[in-house]
N, C-alpha and C. Protein backbone atom coordinates (compact mmCIF):
# COMPACT_ATOMS: atom_id res chain seq x y z
N MET A 1 0.82 -1.21 0.00
CA MET A 1 0.00 0.00 0.00
C MET A 1 0.85 1.26 0.00
N ARG A 2 1.96 1.23 0.76
CA ARG A 2 2.81 2.42 0.80
C ARG A 2 3.42 2.68 -0.57
N VAL A 3 3.73 1.61 -1.31
CA VAL A 3 4.32 1.79 -2.65
C VAL A 3 3.30 2.45 -3.58
N VAL A 4 2.05 2.00 -3.50
CA VAL A 4 1.01 2.58 -4.33
C VAL A 4 0.82 4.05 -4.02
N GLN A 5 0.80 4.39 -2.74
CA GLN A 5 0.64 5.79 -2.35
C GLN A 5 1.80 6.64 -2.83
N ALA A 6 3.00 6.12 -2.71
CA ALA A 6 4.15 6.89 -3.14
C ALA A 6 4.14 7.08 -4.64
N ALA A 7 3.73 6.06 -5.40
CA ALA A 7 3.67 6.18 -6.86
C ALA A 7 2.65 7.20 -7.30
N GLY A 8 1.57 7.34 -6.54
CA GLY A 8 0.56 8.32 -6.88
C GLY A 8 0.92 9.72 -6.48
N GLY A 9 2.02 9.88 -5.78
CA GLY A 9 2.48 11.21 -5.39
C GLY A 9 1.81 11.74 -4.15
N ALA A 10 1.04 10.92 -3.44
CA ALA A 10 0.35 11.38 -2.25
C ALA A 10 1.23 11.20 -1.03
N SER A 11 1.16 12.13 -0.12
CA SER A 11 1.91 12.05 1.11
C SER A 11 1.31 10.98 2.00
N LEU A 12 2.19 10.17 2.64
CA LEU A 12 1.71 9.11 3.51
C LEU A 12 1.07 9.66 4.75
N ASN A 13 1.41 10.86 5.13
CA ASN A 13 0.90 11.45 6.37
C ASN A 13 -0.22 12.45 6.13
N ALA A 14 -0.61 12.65 4.85
CA ALA A 14 -1.61 13.67 4.54
C ALA A 14 -2.98 13.18 4.95
N SER A 15 -3.84 14.11 5.34
CA SER A 15 -5.22 13.80 5.71
C SER A 15 -6.15 14.62 4.84
N PRO A 16 -7.46 14.26 4.72
CA PRO A 16 -8.40 15.02 3.89
C PRO A 16 -8.53 16.47 4.30
N ASP A 17 -8.22 16.77 5.54
CA ASP A 17 -8.39 18.14 6.02
C ASP A 17 -7.20 19.01 5.69
N THR A 18 -6.05 18.38 5.33
CA THR A 18 -4.84 19.18 5.12
C THR A 18 -4.38 19.18 3.68
N THR A 19 -4.93 18.31 2.83
CA THR A 19 -4.51 18.28 1.43
C THR A 19 -5.08 19.47 0.68
N ASP A 20 -4.31 19.89 -0.35
CA ASP A 20 -4.80 20.99 -1.18
C ASP A 20 -5.87 20.48 -2.11
N GLY A 21 -6.85 21.25 -2.39
CA GLY A 21 -7.92 20.82 -3.29
C GLY A 21 -8.85 21.95 -3.60
N PRO A 22 -9.87 21.69 -4.44
CA PRO A 22 -10.81 22.73 -4.85
C PRO A 22 -11.52 23.38 -3.68
N ALA A 23 -11.73 22.64 -2.58
CA ALA A 23 -12.46 23.21 -1.46
C ALA A 23 -11.77 24.44 -0.90
N GLU A 24 -10.42 24.47 -1.02
CA GLU A 24 -9.68 25.61 -0.48
C GLU A 24 -9.87 26.86 -1.33
N ARG A 25 -10.32 26.67 -2.56
CA ARG A 25 -10.52 27.83 -3.45
C ARG A 25 -11.96 28.31 -3.44
N ARG A 26 -12.83 27.57 -2.76
CA ARG A 26 -14.23 27.94 -2.78
C ARG A 26 -14.49 29.22 -2.01
N GLY A 27 -13.69 29.46 -0.96
CA GLY A 27 -13.86 30.69 -0.19
C GLY A 27 -13.66 31.94 -1.02
N PRO A 28 -12.48 32.08 -1.68
CA PRO A 28 -12.27 33.26 -2.54
C PRO A 28 -13.26 33.35 -3.67
N LEU A 29 -13.63 32.19 -4.26
CA LEU A 29 -14.59 32.19 -5.36
C LEU A 29 -15.94 32.72 -4.89
N ARG A 30 -16.39 32.24 -3.73
CA ARG A 30 -17.66 32.70 -3.19
C ARG A 30 -17.60 34.17 -2.83
N ALA A 31 -16.44 34.63 -2.30
CA ALA A 31 -16.30 36.03 -1.93
C ALA A 31 -16.44 36.95 -3.13
N LYS A 32 -15.90 36.52 -4.28
CA LYS A 32 -16.02 37.34 -5.50
C LYS A 32 -17.48 37.44 -5.93
N ARG A 33 -18.20 36.32 -5.86
CA ARG A 33 -19.60 36.34 -6.25
C ARG A 33 -20.43 37.21 -5.31
N ILE A 34 -20.15 37.10 -4.02
CA ILE A 34 -20.86 37.94 -3.05
C ILE A 34 -20.53 39.40 -3.28
N GLY A 35 -19.28 39.67 -3.68
CA GLY A 35 -18.90 41.04 -4.00
C GLY A 35 -19.70 41.58 -5.17
N ALA A 36 -19.91 40.74 -6.19
CA ALA A 36 -20.72 41.15 -7.34
C ALA A 36 -22.16 41.42 -6.91
N LEU A 37 -22.69 40.55 -6.06
CA LEU A 37 -24.05 40.76 -5.53
C LEU A 37 -24.13 42.10 -4.80
N ALA A 38 -23.13 42.38 -3.95
CA ALA A 38 -23.14 43.61 -3.17
C ALA A 38 -23.08 44.85 -4.06
N VAL A 39 -22.26 44.79 -5.11
CA VAL A 39 -22.13 45.94 -6.02
C VAL A 39 -23.45 46.24 -6.71
N VAL A 40 -24.11 45.19 -7.21
CA VAL A 40 -25.40 45.38 -7.88
C VAL A 40 -26.44 45.91 -6.91
N ALA A 41 -26.49 45.31 -5.71
CA ALA A 41 -27.49 45.73 -4.72
C ALA A 41 -27.29 47.18 -4.30
N VAL A 42 -26.05 47.57 -4.04
CA VAL A 42 -25.77 48.95 -3.63
C VAL A 42 -26.11 49.92 -4.75
N ALA A 43 -25.76 49.57 -5.99
CA ALA A 43 -26.05 50.45 -7.13
C ALA A 43 -27.56 50.68 -7.27
N ILE A 44 -28.34 49.60 -7.17
CA ILE A 44 -29.80 49.73 -7.28
C ILE A 44 -30.34 50.54 -6.11
N TYR A 45 -29.86 50.26 -4.93
CA TYR A 45 -30.36 50.96 -3.74
C TYR A 45 -30.08 52.46 -3.81
N VAL A 46 -28.86 52.82 -4.17
CA VAL A 46 -28.49 54.24 -4.24
C VAL A 46 -29.28 54.94 -5.35
N LEU A 47 -29.39 54.30 -6.51
CA LEU A 47 -30.15 54.90 -7.61
C LEU A 47 -31.61 55.11 -7.22
N ASP A 48 -32.19 54.12 -6.53
CA ASP A 48 -33.58 54.24 -6.10
C ASP A 48 -33.74 55.35 -5.07
N LEU A 49 -32.83 55.38 -4.09
CA LEU A 49 -32.92 56.38 -3.02
C LEU A 49 -32.75 57.80 -3.56
N VAL A 50 -31.74 58.01 -4.39
CA VAL A 50 -31.48 59.34 -4.93
C VAL A 50 -32.63 59.80 -5.83
N SER A 51 -33.14 58.91 -6.66
CA SER A 51 -34.23 59.29 -7.56
C SER A 51 -35.49 59.68 -6.77
N LYS A 52 -35.76 58.97 -5.68
CA LYS A 52 -36.93 59.30 -4.87
C LYS A 52 -36.76 60.64 -4.17
N ILE A 53 -35.57 60.91 -3.68
CA ILE A 53 -35.30 62.20 -3.04
C ILE A 53 -35.54 63.34 -4.03
N LEU A 54 -35.05 63.17 -5.26
CA LEU A 54 -35.17 64.23 -6.26
C LEU A 54 -36.61 64.45 -6.70
N VAL A 55 -37.34 63.37 -6.96
CA VAL A 55 -38.70 63.55 -7.45
C VAL A 55 -39.62 64.09 -6.35
N VAL A 56 -39.37 63.71 -5.11
CA VAL A 56 -40.17 64.25 -4.01
C VAL A 56 -39.92 65.74 -3.86
N ARG A 57 -38.68 66.13 -4.01
CA ARG A 57 -38.33 67.54 -3.84
C ARG A 57 -38.82 68.42 -4.99
N PHE A 58 -38.70 67.91 -6.21
CA PHE A 58 -38.96 68.78 -7.36
C PHE A 58 -40.28 68.49 -8.09
N LEU A 59 -40.85 67.32 -7.93
CA LEU A 59 -42.02 66.97 -8.73
C LEU A 59 -43.29 66.72 -7.93
N GLU A 60 -43.15 66.33 -6.67
CA GLU A 60 -44.34 65.98 -5.90
C GLU A 60 -45.27 67.18 -5.74
N GLY A 61 -46.54 66.96 -5.97
CA GLY A 61 -47.52 68.02 -5.84
C GLY A 61 -47.73 68.83 -7.10
N GLY A 62 -46.91 68.59 -8.12
CA GLY A 62 -47.05 69.33 -9.37
C GLY A 62 -47.71 68.49 -10.45
N GLU A 63 -47.82 69.06 -11.62
CA GLU A 63 -48.39 68.35 -12.75
C GLU A 63 -47.42 67.29 -13.27
N PRO A 64 -47.94 66.18 -13.81
CA PRO A 64 -47.05 65.16 -14.38
C PRO A 64 -46.16 65.75 -15.48
N VAL A 65 -44.93 65.28 -15.54
CA VAL A 65 -43.98 65.75 -16.52
C VAL A 65 -43.92 64.75 -17.68
N ARG A 66 -44.28 65.21 -18.86
CA ARG A 66 -44.25 64.33 -20.03
C ARG A 66 -42.81 64.21 -20.52
N VAL A 67 -42.35 62.98 -20.67
CA VAL A 67 -41.00 62.72 -21.15
C VAL A 67 -41.03 62.28 -22.61
N ILE A 68 -41.90 61.32 -22.91
CA ILE A 68 -42.07 60.85 -24.29
C ILE A 68 -43.57 60.83 -24.59
N GLY A 69 -44.12 61.95 -24.93
CA GLY A 69 -45.52 62.06 -25.31
C GLY A 69 -46.45 61.34 -24.37
N ASP A 70 -47.28 60.44 -24.93
CA ASP A 70 -48.20 59.65 -24.13
C ASP A 70 -47.63 58.28 -23.75
N LEU A 71 -46.33 58.11 -23.95
CA LEU A 71 -45.71 56.83 -23.63
C LEU A 71 -45.06 56.83 -22.25
N LEU A 72 -44.47 57.93 -21.86
CA LEU A 72 -43.75 57.97 -20.59
C LEU A 72 -43.86 59.35 -19.96
N ARG A 73 -44.21 59.37 -18.68
CA ARG A 73 -44.23 60.62 -17.95
C ARG A 73 -43.88 60.36 -16.49
N LEU A 74 -43.52 61.43 -15.80
CA LEU A 74 -43.14 61.35 -14.39
C LEU A 74 -44.27 61.90 -13.53
N ARG A 75 -44.79 61.05 -12.66
CA ARG A 75 -45.89 61.45 -11.78
C ARG A 75 -45.69 60.81 -10.41
N VAL A 76 -45.54 61.63 -9.39
CA VAL A 76 -45.23 61.13 -8.05
C VAL A 76 -46.50 60.77 -7.30
N ILE A 77 -46.53 59.52 -6.81
CA ILE A 77 -47.63 59.10 -5.94
C ILE A 77 -47.04 58.40 -4.72
N ARG A 78 -47.82 58.26 -3.68
CA ARG A 78 -47.42 57.51 -2.48
C ARG A 78 -48.20 56.20 -2.46
N ASN A 79 -47.50 55.10 -2.47
CA ASN A 79 -48.10 53.78 -2.60
C ASN A 79 -48.02 53.02 -1.27
N SER A 80 -49.17 52.66 -0.72
CA SER A 80 -49.20 51.91 0.53
C SER A 80 -49.14 50.41 0.31
N GLY A 81 -49.20 49.97 -0.97
CA GLY A 81 -49.20 48.55 -1.27
C GLY A 81 -47.84 48.04 -1.68
N ALA A 82 -47.86 46.95 -2.47
CA ALA A 82 -46.62 46.34 -2.92
C ALA A 82 -46.19 46.97 -4.24
N ALA A 83 -45.26 46.29 -4.92
CA ALA A 83 -44.78 46.79 -6.20
C ALA A 83 -45.93 46.97 -7.18
N PHE A 84 -45.88 48.03 -7.95
CA PHE A 84 -46.90 48.35 -8.95
C PHE A 84 -48.28 48.55 -8.32
N SER A 85 -48.30 49.08 -7.09
CA SER A 85 -49.55 49.45 -6.40
C SER A 85 -50.46 48.27 -6.12
N ILE A 86 -49.89 47.09 -5.95
CA ILE A 86 -50.68 45.90 -5.65
C ILE A 86 -50.91 45.81 -4.14
N GLY A 87 -52.16 45.54 -3.74
CA GLY A 87 -52.45 45.31 -2.33
C GLY A 87 -52.36 46.54 -1.46
N THR A 88 -52.88 47.65 -1.89
CA THR A 88 -52.88 48.85 -1.07
C THR A 88 -53.69 48.59 0.20
N GLY A 89 -53.25 49.17 1.28
CA GLY A 89 -53.93 48.97 2.55
C GLY A 89 -53.33 47.85 3.38
N MET A 90 -52.27 47.18 2.87
CA MET A 90 -51.63 46.10 3.59
C MET A 90 -50.17 46.43 3.84
N THR A 91 -49.91 47.68 4.20
CA THR A 91 -48.54 48.17 4.30
C THR A 91 -47.69 47.39 5.28
N ILE A 92 -48.19 47.17 6.48
CA ILE A 92 -47.39 46.51 7.51
C ILE A 92 -47.05 45.08 7.09
N ILE A 93 -47.97 44.41 6.39
CA ILE A 93 -47.71 43.04 5.93
C ILE A 93 -46.59 43.03 4.90
N PHE A 94 -46.64 43.99 3.97
CA PHE A 94 -45.60 44.04 2.95
C PHE A 94 -44.26 44.46 3.56
N THR A 95 -44.27 45.21 4.63
CA THR A 95 -43.03 45.56 5.31
C THR A 95 -42.37 44.31 5.87
N VAL A 96 -43.17 43.46 6.50
CA VAL A 96 -42.65 42.21 7.06
C VAL A 96 -42.15 41.30 5.94
N ILE A 97 -42.90 41.23 4.84
CA ILE A 97 -42.49 40.39 3.72
C ILE A 97 -41.17 40.88 3.13
N ALA A 98 -41.04 42.19 2.96
CA ALA A 98 -39.81 42.75 2.40
C ALA A 98 -38.61 42.45 3.30
N ALA A 99 -38.81 42.56 4.61
CA ALA A 99 -37.73 42.23 5.54
C ALA A 99 -37.37 40.76 5.44
N GLY A 100 -38.38 39.90 5.29
CA GLY A 100 -38.12 38.48 5.14
C GLY A 100 -37.36 38.16 3.87
N VAL A 101 -37.68 38.87 2.78
CA VAL A 101 -36.97 38.67 1.51
C VAL A 101 -35.51 39.03 1.66
N VAL A 102 -35.22 40.14 2.32
CA VAL A 102 -33.84 40.57 2.54
C VAL A 102 -33.06 39.51 3.32
N ILE A 103 -33.66 39.00 4.40
CA ILE A 103 -33.00 37.99 5.22
C ILE A 103 -32.77 36.71 4.41
N ALA A 104 -33.76 36.30 3.62
CA ALA A 104 -33.63 35.09 2.81
C ALA A 104 -32.51 35.21 1.79
N ILE A 105 -32.39 36.37 1.16
CA ILE A 105 -31.34 36.59 0.17
C ILE A 105 -29.97 36.53 0.83
N LEU A 106 -29.83 37.14 1.99
CA LEU A 106 -28.55 37.13 2.70
C LEU A 106 -28.16 35.72 3.12
N ARG A 107 -29.13 34.92 3.52
CA ARG A 107 -28.84 33.53 3.90
C ARG A 107 -28.46 32.70 2.67
N THR A 108 -29.15 32.93 1.56
CA THR A 108 -28.87 32.20 0.33
C THR A 108 -27.48 32.52 -0.20
N ALA A 109 -27.02 33.74 0.04
CA ALA A 109 -25.72 34.19 -0.49
C ALA A 109 -24.56 33.36 0.05
N ARG A 110 -24.76 32.64 1.13
CA ARG A 110 -23.69 31.82 1.68
C ARG A 110 -23.28 30.69 0.74
N GLN A 111 -24.18 30.29 -0.16
CA GLN A 111 -23.89 29.22 -1.11
C GLN A 111 -23.62 29.75 -2.52
N LEU A 112 -23.49 31.05 -2.65
CA LEU A 112 -23.42 31.67 -3.97
C LEU A 112 -22.05 31.48 -4.61
N ARG A 113 -22.03 30.88 -5.82
CA ARG A 113 -20.82 30.77 -6.63
C ARG A 113 -21.13 30.96 -8.11
N SER A 114 -22.21 31.66 -8.41
CA SER A 114 -22.65 31.86 -9.78
C SER A 114 -22.81 33.35 -10.05
N VAL A 115 -22.15 33.84 -11.11
CA VAL A 115 -22.25 35.26 -11.45
C VAL A 115 -23.68 35.65 -11.85
N PRO A 116 -24.35 34.87 -12.72
CA PRO A 116 -25.74 35.24 -13.05
C PRO A 116 -26.64 35.30 -11.83
N TRP A 117 -26.47 34.35 -10.91
CA TRP A 117 -27.29 34.39 -9.70
C TRP A 117 -26.88 35.53 -8.78
N ALA A 118 -25.60 35.92 -8.81
CA ALA A 118 -25.16 37.07 -8.02
C ALA A 118 -25.86 38.34 -8.51
N ILE A 119 -25.96 38.50 -9.83
CA ILE A 119 -26.65 39.66 -10.39
C ILE A 119 -28.13 39.60 -10.04
N THR A 120 -28.72 38.40 -10.16
CA THR A 120 -30.14 38.24 -9.86
C THR A 120 -30.45 38.61 -8.41
N LEU A 121 -29.68 38.04 -7.49
CA LEU A 121 -29.92 38.32 -6.08
C LEU A 121 -29.61 39.78 -5.74
N GLY A 122 -28.63 40.37 -6.44
CA GLY A 122 -28.32 41.78 -6.23
C GLY A 122 -29.48 42.68 -6.62
N LEU A 123 -30.12 42.36 -7.75
CA LEU A 123 -31.30 43.12 -8.18
C LEU A 123 -32.43 43.00 -7.16
N LEU A 124 -32.69 41.77 -6.71
CA LEU A 124 -33.77 41.55 -5.75
C LEU A 124 -33.46 42.22 -4.41
N LEU A 125 -32.21 42.10 -3.96
CA LEU A 125 -31.84 42.69 -2.67
C LEU A 125 -31.90 44.21 -2.72
N GLY A 126 -31.34 44.81 -3.77
CA GLY A 126 -31.36 46.26 -3.89
C GLY A 126 -32.77 46.81 -3.97
N GLY A 127 -33.63 46.12 -4.75
CA GLY A 127 -35.02 46.56 -4.86
C GLY A 127 -35.77 46.41 -3.55
N ALA A 128 -35.59 45.27 -2.88
CA ALA A 128 -36.27 45.05 -1.60
C ALA A 128 -35.84 46.07 -0.56
N LEU A 129 -34.54 46.36 -0.50
CA LEU A 129 -34.05 47.34 0.47
C LEU A 129 -34.56 48.75 0.15
N GLY A 130 -34.65 49.07 -1.14
CA GLY A 130 -35.13 50.39 -1.53
C GLY A 130 -36.54 50.66 -1.05
N ASN A 131 -37.45 49.72 -1.32
CA ASN A 131 -38.83 49.92 -0.88
C ASN A 131 -38.98 49.72 0.62
N LEU A 132 -38.16 48.84 1.21
CA LEU A 132 -38.22 48.65 2.66
C LEU A 132 -37.82 49.93 3.39
N THR A 133 -36.87 50.66 2.85
CA THR A 133 -36.46 51.93 3.46
C THR A 133 -37.64 52.90 3.51
N ASP A 134 -38.42 52.96 2.43
CA ASP A 134 -39.60 53.82 2.42
C ASP A 134 -40.59 53.39 3.49
N ARG A 135 -40.82 52.09 3.59
CA ARG A 135 -41.83 51.59 4.53
C ARG A 135 -41.42 51.83 5.98
N VAL A 136 -40.14 51.81 6.23
CA VAL A 136 -39.66 51.99 7.61
C VAL A 136 -39.61 53.46 8.00
N PHE A 137 -39.19 54.34 7.09
CA PHE A 137 -38.88 55.72 7.47
C PHE A 137 -39.86 56.78 6.96
N ARG A 138 -40.63 56.50 5.96
CA ARG A 138 -41.51 57.55 5.42
C ARG A 138 -42.84 57.61 6.16
N SER A 139 -43.57 58.71 5.90
CA SER A 139 -44.90 58.88 6.50
C SER A 139 -45.86 57.86 5.89
N PRO A 140 -46.94 57.52 6.60
CA PRO A 140 -47.48 58.23 7.77
C PRO A 140 -46.94 57.78 9.12
N ALA A 141 -46.24 56.62 9.16
CA ALA A 141 -45.75 56.13 10.44
C ALA A 141 -44.60 55.15 10.20
N PRO A 142 -43.71 55.00 11.18
CA PRO A 142 -42.62 54.03 11.04
C PRO A 142 -43.16 52.63 10.78
N PHE A 143 -42.53 51.94 9.85
CA PHE A 143 -42.90 50.58 9.43
C PHE A 143 -44.26 50.53 8.72
N GLN A 144 -44.86 51.68 8.48
CA GLN A 144 -46.10 51.75 7.72
C GLN A 144 -46.02 52.84 6.65
N GLY A 145 -44.80 53.20 6.30
CA GLY A 145 -44.61 54.27 5.33
C GLY A 145 -45.06 53.88 3.94
N HIS A 146 -45.43 54.89 3.17
CA HIS A 146 -45.87 54.68 1.79
C HIS A 146 -44.69 54.83 0.84
N VAL A 147 -44.59 53.94 -0.10
CA VAL A 147 -43.48 53.93 -1.05
C VAL A 147 -43.69 55.02 -2.10
N VAL A 148 -42.61 55.70 -2.46
CA VAL A 148 -42.66 56.74 -3.50
C VAL A 148 -42.54 56.08 -4.87
N ASP A 149 -43.58 56.20 -5.68
CA ASP A 149 -43.57 55.74 -7.07
C ASP A 149 -43.60 56.96 -7.98
N TRP A 150 -42.91 56.87 -9.12
CA TRP A 150 -42.83 58.08 -9.93
C TRP A 150 -42.68 57.86 -11.44
N VAL A 151 -42.58 56.63 -11.88
CA VAL A 151 -42.46 56.35 -13.31
C VAL A 151 -43.80 55.83 -13.83
N GLU A 152 -44.34 56.49 -14.83
CA GLU A 152 -45.62 56.08 -15.39
C GLU A 152 -45.47 55.87 -16.90
N VAL A 153 -45.74 54.66 -17.35
CA VAL A 153 -45.67 54.35 -18.78
C VAL A 153 -47.07 54.06 -19.29
N PHE A 154 -47.31 54.41 -20.53
CA PHE A 154 -48.62 54.23 -21.16
C PHE A 154 -49.75 54.74 -20.25
N PRO A 155 -49.75 56.03 -19.92
CA PRO A 155 -50.74 56.58 -18.99
C PRO A 155 -52.18 56.28 -19.38
N VAL A 156 -52.48 56.24 -20.68
CA VAL A 156 -53.86 56.03 -21.10
C VAL A 156 -54.36 54.62 -20.76
N THR A 157 -53.44 53.68 -20.52
CA THR A 157 -53.84 52.31 -20.18
C THR A 157 -53.93 52.11 -18.68
N ARG A 158 -53.66 53.15 -17.91
CA ARG A 158 -53.66 53.07 -16.44
C ARG A 158 -52.69 52.02 -15.92
N PHE A 159 -51.54 51.91 -16.59
CA PHE A 159 -50.49 51.00 -16.12
C PHE A 159 -49.97 51.52 -14.79
N PRO A 160 -49.76 50.65 -13.79
CA PRO A 160 -49.35 51.12 -12.46
C PRO A 160 -48.07 51.95 -12.48
N VAL A 161 -48.03 52.98 -11.65
CA VAL A 161 -46.84 53.80 -11.48
C VAL A 161 -45.83 53.00 -10.65
N PHE A 162 -44.55 53.10 -10.98
CA PHE A 162 -43.54 52.31 -10.28
C PHE A 162 -42.28 53.13 -10.05
N ASN A 163 -41.24 52.48 -9.52
CA ASN A 163 -39.98 53.17 -9.23
C ASN A 163 -38.81 52.27 -9.61
N VAL A 164 -37.60 52.71 -9.32
CA VAL A 164 -36.40 51.93 -9.67
C VAL A 164 -36.39 50.60 -8.94
N ALA A 165 -36.75 50.60 -7.66
CA ALA A 165 -36.75 49.37 -6.88
C ALA A 165 -37.72 48.35 -7.46
N ASP A 166 -38.92 48.81 -7.85
CA ASP A 166 -39.89 47.90 -8.47
C ASP A 166 -39.31 47.27 -9.74
N SER A 167 -38.67 48.09 -10.55
CA SER A 167 -38.10 47.60 -11.80
C SER A 167 -37.03 46.54 -11.53
N ALA A 168 -36.19 46.79 -10.52
CA ALA A 168 -35.13 45.84 -10.18
C ALA A 168 -35.72 44.52 -9.70
N ILE A 169 -36.78 44.59 -8.89
CA ILE A 169 -37.42 43.37 -8.38
C ILE A 169 -38.00 42.56 -9.53
N VAL A 170 -38.68 43.23 -10.45
CA VAL A 170 -39.28 42.53 -11.59
C VAL A 170 -38.20 41.91 -12.48
N CYS A 171 -37.16 42.67 -12.78
CA CYS A 171 -36.06 42.15 -13.61
C CYS A 171 -35.37 40.98 -12.92
N GLY A 172 -35.14 41.11 -11.60
CA GLY A 172 -34.53 40.02 -10.86
C GLY A 172 -35.40 38.78 -10.85
N GLY A 173 -36.70 38.96 -10.72
CA GLY A 173 -37.62 37.83 -10.74
C GLY A 173 -37.62 37.12 -12.08
N ILE A 174 -37.64 37.89 -13.16
CA ILE A 174 -37.62 37.30 -14.50
C ILE A 174 -36.32 36.54 -14.72
N LEU A 175 -35.20 37.14 -14.30
CA LEU A 175 -33.91 36.48 -14.46
C LEU A 175 -33.83 35.21 -13.63
N ALA A 176 -34.40 35.22 -12.43
CA ALA A 176 -34.41 34.03 -11.58
C ALA A 176 -35.19 32.89 -12.24
N VAL A 177 -36.33 33.22 -12.82
CA VAL A 177 -37.13 32.20 -13.50
C VAL A 177 -36.36 31.64 -14.70
N PHE A 178 -35.69 32.50 -15.44
CA PHE A 178 -34.92 32.05 -16.59
C PHE A 178 -33.79 31.12 -16.17
N LEU A 179 -33.05 31.49 -15.14
CA LEU A 179 -31.93 30.67 -14.67
C LEU A 179 -32.42 29.32 -14.16
N ALA A 180 -33.53 29.33 -13.42
CA ALA A 180 -34.08 28.08 -12.92
C ALA A 180 -34.55 27.20 -14.08
N TRP A 181 -35.14 27.81 -15.09
CA TRP A 181 -35.61 27.07 -16.27
C TRP A 181 -34.45 26.43 -17.01
N ARG A 182 -33.32 27.15 -17.07
CA ARG A 182 -32.14 26.64 -17.76
C ARG A 182 -31.33 25.67 -16.90
N GLY A 183 -31.72 25.52 -15.63
CA GLY A 183 -31.06 24.56 -14.76
C GLY A 183 -29.84 25.08 -14.03
N TYR A 184 -29.61 26.38 -14.05
CA TYR A 184 -28.45 26.94 -13.35
C TYR A 184 -28.73 27.05 -11.86
N GLN A 185 -27.80 26.57 -11.06
CA GLN A 185 -27.97 26.53 -9.62
C GLN A 185 -27.20 27.66 -8.94
N ILE A 186 -27.58 27.94 -7.68
CA ILE A 186 -26.91 28.99 -6.91
C ILE A 186 -25.42 28.71 -6.76
N ASP A 187 -25.06 27.43 -6.59
CA ASP A 187 -23.66 27.08 -6.35
C ASP A 187 -22.82 27.02 -7.62
N GLY A 188 -23.40 27.40 -8.76
CA GLY A 188 -22.65 27.44 -10.00
C GLY A 188 -22.78 26.19 -10.84
N SER A 189 -23.37 25.12 -10.29
CA SER A 189 -23.55 23.89 -11.06
C SER A 189 -24.80 24.01 -11.94
N ARG A 190 -25.00 23.00 -12.76
CA ARG A 190 -26.15 23.00 -13.65
C ARG A 190 -26.90 21.69 -13.50
N ALA A 191 -28.18 21.77 -13.27
CA ALA A 191 -28.99 20.57 -13.04
C ALA A 191 -28.93 19.65 -14.24
N GLY A 192 -28.78 18.35 -13.97
CA GLY A 192 -28.75 17.36 -15.04
C GLY A 192 -27.38 17.07 -15.58
N ASP A 193 -26.38 17.83 -15.16
CA ASP A 193 -25.01 17.60 -15.62
C ASP A 193 -24.19 17.09 -14.45
N GLU A 194 -23.98 15.80 -14.38
CA GLU A 194 -23.30 15.21 -13.24
C GLU A 194 -21.79 15.39 -13.30
N HIS A 195 -21.28 15.79 -14.46
CA HIS A 195 -19.83 15.88 -14.63
C HIS A 195 -19.31 17.30 -14.49
N THR A 196 -20.21 18.25 -14.34
CA THR A 196 -19.80 19.65 -14.26
C THR A 196 -20.03 20.16 -12.86
N GLY A 197 -18.96 20.61 -12.23
CA GLY A 197 -19.07 21.15 -10.89
C GLY A 197 -19.41 22.61 -10.93
N PRO A 198 -19.37 23.28 -9.77
CA PRO A 198 -19.63 24.71 -9.72
C PRO A 198 -18.74 25.48 -10.66
N GLN A 199 -19.22 26.55 -11.22
CA GLN A 199 -18.47 27.37 -12.15
C GLN A 199 -17.16 27.80 -11.52
N GLY A 200 -16.09 27.69 -12.27
CA GLY A 200 -14.80 28.12 -11.77
C GLY A 200 -14.06 27.00 -11.06
N GLU A 201 -14.72 25.88 -10.72
CA GLU A 201 -14.07 24.80 -10.01
C GLU A 201 -13.72 23.65 -10.94
N GLN A 202 -14.49 23.48 -12.04
CA GLN A 202 -14.26 22.36 -12.94
C GLN A 202 -12.85 22.43 -13.52
N GLY A 203 -12.46 23.64 -13.98
CA GLY A 203 -11.13 23.78 -14.55
C GLY A 203 -10.05 23.54 -13.53
N GLU A 204 -10.27 23.96 -12.29
CA GLU A 204 -9.29 23.75 -11.24
C GLU A 204 -9.13 22.28 -10.92
N GLN A 205 -10.25 21.54 -10.92
CA GLN A 205 -10.20 20.12 -10.67
C GLN A 205 -9.43 19.40 -11.76
N GLY A 206 -9.67 19.83 -13.02
CA GLY A 206 -8.96 19.22 -14.13
C GLY A 206 -7.47 19.48 -14.05
N ASP A 207 -7.09 20.70 -13.67
CA ASP A 207 -5.67 21.03 -13.56
C ASP A 207 -4.99 20.18 -12.52
N GLU A 208 -5.70 19.92 -11.41
CA GLU A 208 -5.08 19.13 -10.35
C GLU A 208 -4.91 17.68 -10.76
N ARG A 209 -5.89 17.16 -11.54
CA ARG A 209 -5.76 15.77 -11.98
C ARG A 209 -4.64 15.61 -13.00
N ASN A 210 -4.38 16.66 -13.78
CA ASN A 210 -3.34 16.59 -14.80
C ASN A 210 -1.98 17.01 -14.31
N GLY A 211 -1.95 17.65 -13.13
CA GLY A 211 -0.68 18.18 -12.64
C GLY A 211 0.18 17.13 -11.98
């Protein structure tokens, strides 16, 4: 047995916990993906927050501003419901749901090793935090605040007014459905492919087998 081990190049005293392998690279790989998630989430959150501050200061209480004829205009409203004015009158419930979404995303990020999923979760997290900030800090009361909506498309069709956070949540949701449909997993693997590991690890595993 010792001869076989020596021929394979393995140390006789090595243990599974001390040998070099792909598991040691998973930490940095996951950190990069979480970094991508954080960048997207912060960008969405800041854009949503700044846009709401500006429209409240300069547009609220005035006439709608036409941007592209009857296709797009800016009109500030206060929304007590969910995204796209759904479920008005259930503010406290949506506040709790938004907080739960944020916690769920943060917990899921511990297994994140996929760039597409990092972008997806970043969109959802940034959007959830944007509207959650309104619900916690805006009038009429803490944790019952009304969300500032200000983008109105196709006004003649009475399409719901929305904001940057709503757009990010919808885009993140669509992207999540697409990734799930294509079989892409949070950990970077792909459903149905038993030979492909998490993204970024397959090549490393091959290098070690050939080295």
